[in-house]
Amino acid sequence: MPAPLVWLGAAAVSLYASNKLNTAHLRHQQIVAGMPGQCKRPVVPVNGSIVTCDIFEVFEHTGIWINGNIYELNGNGLVRCISPSRFLNNRSGEKIYIACDRDGNPLVESLAIERTQSQLYSLYDYHVLRQNCHKFVGEMIAGTTQDITSFSDLNVFLSGHFNTPIDWRLTQVKLP
């Protein structure tokens, strides 16, 4: 029994280190100006804002803010509309961050709002790498199929789509 626990711990440490290296690469390439948690200046979300939260400080979960709720692709493949509190529930993060430009303006693709709302209750063939929340968000923004498998890939896509480094800012929202 101890050996599997050691392997699990080693895998977690490896993922954490990999995330830190990837963050440095994204900043160096000017794809990301600030990762979640680095900027403490809060931003009020607007319809179409791209949001994220931490999962055990190793992974990120993303969605799209619409009318005070968040549309997400859940791990069971269902697209659902949930409250910000529910978005954070059963995840280690206690904060929601918004993708912004360097001036703190939320990055919004207006057509993504309609596209996202039209997918409510749709069922996707969820896969942690091939069809996940990051790919869903990218495809709602672009309106086309995207090759996005990770939060890093999503940042690269968003930076190119909006032609700006991504600055993840704390959401100015009161959670119950």
C-alpha atoms as a PDB file:
ATOM      1  CA  MET A   1       0.000   0.000   0.000  1.00  0.00           C
ATOM      2  CA  PRO A   2       2.756   2.590   0.736  1.00  0.00           C
ATOM      3  CA  ALA A   3       4.297   2.267  -2.754  1.00  0.00           C
ATOM      4  CA  PRO A   4       1.164   3.512  -4.615  1.00  0.00           C
ATOM      5  CA  LEU A   5       0.921   6.459  -2.221  1.00  0.00           C
ATOM      6  CA  VAL A   6       4.552   7.367  -2.900  1.00  0.00           C
ATOM      7  CA  TRP A   7       3.913   7.159  -6.655  1.00  0.00           C
ATOM      8  CA  LEU A   8       0.819   9.329  -6.319  1.00  0.00           C
ATOM      9  CA  GLY A   9       2.786  11.893  -4.323  1.00  0.00           C
ATOM     10  CA  ALA A  10       5.603  11.878  -6.869  1.00  0.00           C
ATOM     11  CA  ALA A  11       3.102  12.366  -9.695  1.00  0.00           C
ATOM     12  CA  ALA A  12       1.509  15.324  -7.885  1.00  0.00           C
ATOM     13  CA  VAL A  13       4.906  16.956  -7.298  1.00  0.00           C
ATOM     14  CA  SER A  14       5.811  16.388 -10.955  1.00  0.00           C
ATOM     15  CA  LEU A  15       2.568  17.998 -12.159  1.00  0.00           C
ATOM     16  CA  TYR A  16       3.088  20.972  -9.855  1.00  0.00           C
ATOM     17  CA  ALA A  17       6.665  21.494 -11.104  1.00  0.00           C
ATOM     18  CA  SER A  18       5.542  21.131 -14.709  1.00  0.00           C
ATOM     19  CA  ASN A  19       2.851  23.782 -14.158  1.00  0.00           C
ATOM     20  CA  LYS A  20       5.425  26.211 -12.733  1.00  0.00           C
ATOM     21  CA  LEU A  21       7.755  25.722 -15.706  1.00  0.00           C
ATOM     22  CA  ASN A  22       4.899  26.124 -18.158  1.00  0.00           C
ATOM     23  CA  THR A  23       3.807  29.357 -16.471  1.00  0.00           C
ATOM     24  CA  ALA A  24       7.324  30.763 -16.827  1.00  0.00           C
ATOM     25  CA  HIS A  25       7.341  29.814 -20.524  1.00  0.00           C
ATOM     26  CA  LEU A  26       3.958  31.491 -21.165  1.00  0.00           C
ATOM     27  CA  ARG A  27       5.114  34.681 -19.455  1.00  0.00           C
ATOM     28  CA  HIS A  28       8.424  34.680 -21.330  1.00  0.00           C
ATOM     29  CA  GLN A  29       6.586  34.306 -24.655  1.00  0.00           C
ATOM     30  CA  GLN A  30       4.261  37.179 -23.626  1.00  0.00           C
ATOM     31  CA  ILE A  31       1.212  34.941 -23.992  1.00  0.00           C
ATOM     32  CA  VAL A  32       0.249  35.526 -20.372  1.00  0.00           C
ATOM     33  CA  ALA A  33       0.824  38.755 -18.439  1.00  0.00           C
ATOM     34  CA  GLY A  34      -0.464  37.309 -15.163  1.00  0.00           C
ATOM     35  CA  MET A  35      -1.625  33.873 -14.079  1.00  0.00           C
ATOM     36  CA  PRO A  36      -4.548  33.309 -11.697  1.00  0.00           C
ATOM     37  CA  GLY A  37      -3.662  34.566  -8.239  1.00  0.00           C
ATOM     38  CA  GLN A  38      -0.857  36.890  -9.319  1.00  0.00           C
ATOM     39  CA  CYS A  39      -2.945  40.061  -9.660  1.00  0.00           C
ATOM     40  CA  LYS A  40      -4.995  41.132  -6.654  1.00  0.00           C
ATOM     41  CA  ARG A  41      -6.880  43.960  -8.417  1.00  0.00           C
ATOM     42  CA  PRO A  42     -10.467  42.731  -8.763  1.00  0.00           C
ATOM     43  CA  VAL A  43     -12.503  43.005 -11.957  1.00  0.00           C
ATOM     44  CA  VAL A  44     -16.269  42.878 -12.316  1.00  0.00           C
ATOM     45  CA  PRO A  45     -17.299  40.123 -14.731  1.00  0.00           C
ATOM     46  CA  VAL A  46     -19.343  41.012 -17.804  1.00  0.00           C
ATOM     47  CA  ASN A  47     -21.388  38.723 -20.033  1.00  0.00           C
ATOM     48  CA  GLY A  48     -19.034  36.544 -22.037  1.00  0.00           C
ATOM     49  CA  SER A  49     -16.121  36.774 -19.576  1.00  0.00           C
ATOM     50  CA  ILE A  50     -13.845  33.742 -19.608  1.00  0.00           C
ATOM     51  CA  VAL A  51     -13.422  32.500 -16.045  1.00  0.00           C
ATOM     52  CA  THR A  52     -11.255  29.957 -14.255  1.00  0.00           C
ATOM     53  CA  CYS A  53     -10.690  28.474 -10.814  1.00  0.00           C
ATOM     54  CA  ASP A  54      -8.036  26.196  -9.347  1.00  0.00           C
ATOM     55  CA  ILE A  55      -8.440  22.497  -8.760  1.00  0.00           C
ATOM     56  CA  PHE A  56      -6.011  21.447  -6.022  1.00  0.00           C
ATOM     57  CA  GLU A  57      -3.544  24.113  -7.226  1.00  0.00           C
ATOM     58  CA  VAL A  58      -2.452  21.756 -10.017  1.00  0.00           C
ATOM     59  CA  PHE A  59      -5.267  22.006 -12.548  1.00  0.00           C
ATOM     60  CA  GLU A  60      -7.616  24.745 -13.686  1.00  0.00           C
ATOM     61  CA  HIS A  61     -11.300  24.599 -14.606  1.00  0.00           C
ATOM     62  CA  THR A  62     -12.757  27.115 -17.072  1.00  0.00           C
ATOM     63  CA  GLY A  63     -16.152  28.387 -18.117  1.00  0.00           C
ATOM     64  CA  ILE A  64     -17.967  31.406 -19.540  1.00  0.00           C
ATOM     65  CA  TRP A  65     -19.774  34.002 -17.413  1.00  0.00           C
ATOM     66  CA  ILE A  66     -23.302  34.834 -18.602  1.00  0.00           C
ATOM     67  CA  ASN A  67     -25.971  36.717 -16.622  1.00  0.00           C
ATOM     68  CA  GLY A  68     -24.344  36.124 -13.242  1.00  0.00           C
ATOM     69  CA  ASN A  69     -23.843  32.388 -13.801  1.00  0.00           C
ATOM     70  CA  ILE A  70     -21.140  30.263 -15.369  1.00  0.00           C
ATOM     71  CA  TYR A  71     -21.589  27.897 -18.291  1.00  0.00           C
ATOM     72  CA  GLU A  72     -19.229  24.958 -18.033  1.00  0.00           C
ATOM     73  CA  LEU A  73     -18.546  21.579 -19.539  1.00  0.00           C
ATOM     74  CA  ASN A  74     -18.835  19.281 -16.549  1.00  0.00           C
ATOM     75  CA  GLY A  75     -16.685  16.157 -16.142  1.00  0.00           C
ATOM     76  CA  ASN A  76     -19.640  13.985 -17.132  1.00  0.00           C
ATOM     77  CA  GLY A  77     -19.880  15.780 -20.505  1.00  0.00           C
ATOM     78  CA  LEU A  78     -22.956  17.874 -19.696  1.00  0.00           C
ATOM     79  CA  VAL A  79     -22.937  21.592 -20.483  1.00  0.00           C
ATOM     80  CA  ARG A  80     -24.603  23.297 -17.568  1.00  0.00           C
ATOM     81  CA  CYS A  81     -25.292  26.757 -16.197  1.00  0.00           C
ATOM     82  CA  ILE A  82     -24.295  27.051 -12.547  1.00  0.00           C
ATOM     83  CA  SER A  83     -23.805  29.717  -9.885  1.00  0.00           C
ATOM     84  CA  PRO A  84     -20.317  31.006  -9.097  1.00  0.00           C
ATOM     85  CA  SER A  85     -20.524  29.194  -5.731  1.00  0.00           C
ATOM     86  CA  ARG A  86     -21.335  25.899  -7.459  1.00  0.00           C
ATOM     87  CA  PHE A  87     -18.459  26.513  -9.911  1.00  0.00           C
ATOM     88  CA  LEU A  88     -16.099  26.489  -6.918  1.00  0.00           C
ATOM     89  CA  ASN A  89     -17.812  23.631  -5.057  1.00  0.00           C
ATOM     90  CA  ASN A  90     -15.760  20.413  -4.726  1.00  0.00           C
ATOM     91  CA  ARG A  91     -12.676  22.203  -6.006  1.00  0.00           C
ATOM     92  CA  SER A  92      -9.818  23.504  -3.900  1.00  0.00           C
ATOM     93  CA  GLY A  93      -9.985  27.036  -5.233  1.00  0.00           C
ATOM     94  CA  GLU A  94     -11.940  29.685  -3.400  1.00  0.00           C
ATOM     95  CA  LYS A  95     -11.575  32.370  -6.042  1.00  0.00           C
ATOM     96  CA  ILE A  96     -12.679  32.907  -9.608  1.00  0.00           C
ATOM     97  CA  TYR A  97     -10.453  34.700 -12.098  1.00  0.00           C
ATOM     98  CA  ILE A  98     -11.312  36.482 -15.360  1.00  0.00           C
ATOM     99  CA  ALA A  99      -9.241  36.589 -18.548  1.00  0.00           C
ATOM    100  CA  CYS A 100      -8.431  40.263 -19.176  1.00  0.00           C
ATOM    101  CA  ASP A 101      -6.112  42.387 -21.266  1.00  0.00           C
ATOM    102  CA  ARG A 102      -3.219  44.234 -19.607  1.00  0.00           C
ATOM    103  CA  ASP A 103      -5.516  47.129 -18.697  1.00  0.00           C
ATOM    104  CA  GLY A 104      -7.889  44.846 -16.804  1.00  0.00           C
ATOM    105  CA  ASN A 105     -10.663  44.794 -19.404  1.00  0.00           C
ATOM    106  CA  PRO A 106     -12.407  41.408 -19.592  1.00  0.00           C
ATOM    107  CA  LEU A 107     -11.816  39.674 -22.917  1.00  0.00           C
ATOM    108  CA  VAL A 108     -15.194  38.977 -24.523  1.00  0.00           C
ATOM    109  CA  GLU A 109     -16.229  37.544 -27.865  1.00  0.00           C
ATOM    110  CA  SER A 110     -19.849  38.684 -28.216  1.00  0.00           C
ATOM    111  CA  LEU A 111     -20.888  35.773 -30.471  1.00  0.00           C
ATOM    112  CA  ALA A 112     -19.625  33.329 -27.855  1.00  0.00           C
ATOM    113  CA  ILE A 113     -22.507  34.233 -25.552  1.00  0.00           C
ATOM    114  CA  GLU A 114     -25.149  32.953 -27.985  1.00  0.00           C
ATOM    115  CA  ARG A 115     -23.056  29.944 -28.964  1.00  0.00           C
ATOM    116  CA  THR A 116     -22.549  29.003 -25.333  1.00  0.00           C
ATOM    117  CA  GLN A 117     -26.196  29.442 -24.369  1.00  0.00           C
ATOM    118  CA  SER A 118     -27.241  27.279 -27.323  1.00  0.00           C
ATOM    119  CA  GLN A 119     -25.152  24.402 -25.903  1.00  0.00           C
ATOM    120  CA  LEU A 120     -26.951  24.330 -22.527  1.00  0.00           C
ATOM    121  CA  TYR A 121     -27.789  20.704 -21.595  1.00  0.00           C
ATOM    122  CA  SER A 122     -25.843  19.382 -24.575  1.00  0.00           C
ATOM    123  CA  LEU A 123     -23.928  16.216 -23.889  1.00  0.00           C
ATOM    124  CA  TYR A 124     -20.325  15.935 -25.084  1.00  0.00           C
ATOM    125  CA  ASP A 125     -18.131  12.841 -25.128  1.00  0.00           C
ATOM    126  CA  TYR A 126     -15.985  14.190 -22.269  1.00  0.00           C
ATOM    127  CA  HIS A 127     -12.339  13.206 -22.150  1.00  0.00           C
ATOM    128  CA  VAL A 128      -9.824  14.803 -19.794  1.00  0.00           C
ATOM    129  CA  LEU A 129      -7.462  15.597 -22.697  1.00  0.00           C
ATOM    130  CA  ARG A 130      -9.426  15.473 -25.953  1.00  0.00           C
ATOM    131  CA  GLN A 131     -12.768  17.055 -24.954  1.00  0.00           C
ATOM    132  CA  ASN A 132     -12.533  19.084 -21.747  1.00  0.00           C
ATOM    133  CA  CYS A 133     -13.651  22.442 -20.325  1.00  0.00           C
ATOM    134  CA  HIS A 134     -10.736  24.338 -21.932  1.00  0.00           C
ATOM    135  CA  LYS A 135     -11.546  22.995 -25.397  1.00  0.00           C
ATOM    136  CA  PHE A 136     -15.235  23.814 -24.842  1.00  0.00           C
ATOM    137  CA  VAL A 137     -14.430  27.430 -23.908  1.00  0.00           C
ATOM    138  CA  GLY A 138     -12.059  27.847 -26.863  1.00  0.00           C
ATOM    139  CA  GLU A 139     -14.642  26.482 -29.284  1.00  0.00           C
ATOM    140  CA  MET A 140     -17.364  28.759 -27.921  1.00  0.00           C
ATOM    141  CA  ILE A 141     -15.035  31.747 -28.401  1.00  0.00           C
ATOM    142  CA  ALA A 142     -13.870  30.741 -31.891  1.00  0.00           C
ATOM    143  CA  GLY A 143     -17.074  29.199 -33.210  1.00  0.00           C
ATOM    144  CA  THR A 144     -14.988  26.412 -34.733  1.00  0.00           C
ATOM    145  CA  THR A 145     -13.282  23.227 -33.604  1.00  0.00           C
ATOM    146  CA  GLN A 146     -10.051  23.949 -31.738  1.00  0.00           C
ATOM    147  CA  ASP A 147      -7.078  21.774 -30.815  1.00  0.00           C
ATOM    148  CA  ILE A 148      -7.015  22.697 -27.129  1.00  0.00           C
ATOM    149  CA  THR A 149      -6.150  20.094 -24.511  1.00  0.00           C
ATOM    150  CA  SER A 150      -4.924  22.151 -21.536  1.00  0.00           C
ATOM    151  CA  PHE A 151      -5.165  25.482 -19.738  1.00  0.00           C
ATOM    152  CA  SER A 152      -1.860  26.388 -21.362  1.00  0.00           C
ATOM    153  CA  ASP A 153      -3.297  25.679 -24.825  1.00  0.00           C
ATOM    154  CA  LEU A 154      -6.328  27.813 -23.955  1.00  0.00           C
ATOM    155  CA  ASN A 155      -4.055  30.707 -22.956  1.00  0.00           C
ATOM    156  CA  VAL A 156      -2.148  30.444 -26.242  1.00  0.00           C
ATOM    157  CA  PHE A 157      -5.426  30.397 -28.174  1.00  0.00           C
ATOM    158  CA  LEU A 158      -6.925  33.350 -26.240  1.00  0.00           C
ATOM    159  CA  SER A 159      -3.761  35.431 -26.615  1.00  0.00           C
ATOM    160  CA  GLY A 160      -3.799  34.884 -30.382  1.00  0.00           C
ATOM    161  CA  HIS A 161      -7.553  35.355 -30.753  1.00  0.00           C
ATOM    162  CA  PHE A 162      -7.662  38.623 -28.808  1.00  0.00           C
ATOM    163  CA  ASN A 163      -4.150  39.696 -29.889  1.00  0.00           C
ATOM    164  CA  THR A 164      -3.035  40.473 -26.337  1.00  0.00           C
ATOM    165  CA  PRO A 165      -1.257  38.785 -23.436  1.00  0.00           C
ATOM    166  CA  ILE A 166      -3.801  37.285 -21.040  1.00  0.00           C
ATOM    167  CA  ASP A 167      -3.945  38.798 -17.554  1.00  0.00           C
ATOM    168  CA  TRP A 168      -6.004  36.622 -15.200  1.00  0.00           C
ATOM    169  CA  ARG A 169      -7.622  38.942 -12.661  1.00  0.00           C
ATOM    170  CA  LEU A 170      -9.520  38.208  -9.487  1.00  0.00           C
ATOM    171  CA  THR A 171     -13.295  38.378  -9.895  1.00  0.00           C
ATOM    172  CA  GLN A 172     -15.096  41.042  -7.920  1.00  0.00           C
ATOM    173  CA  VAL A 173     -18.081  38.900  -6.950  1.00  0.00           C
ATOM    174  CA  LYS A 174     -19.564  38.260  -3.525  1.00  0.00           C
ATOM    175  CA  LEU A 175     -20.013  34.553  -2.931  1.00  0.00           C
ATOM    176  CA  PRO A 176     -22.484  33.278  -0.324  1.00  0.00           C
END
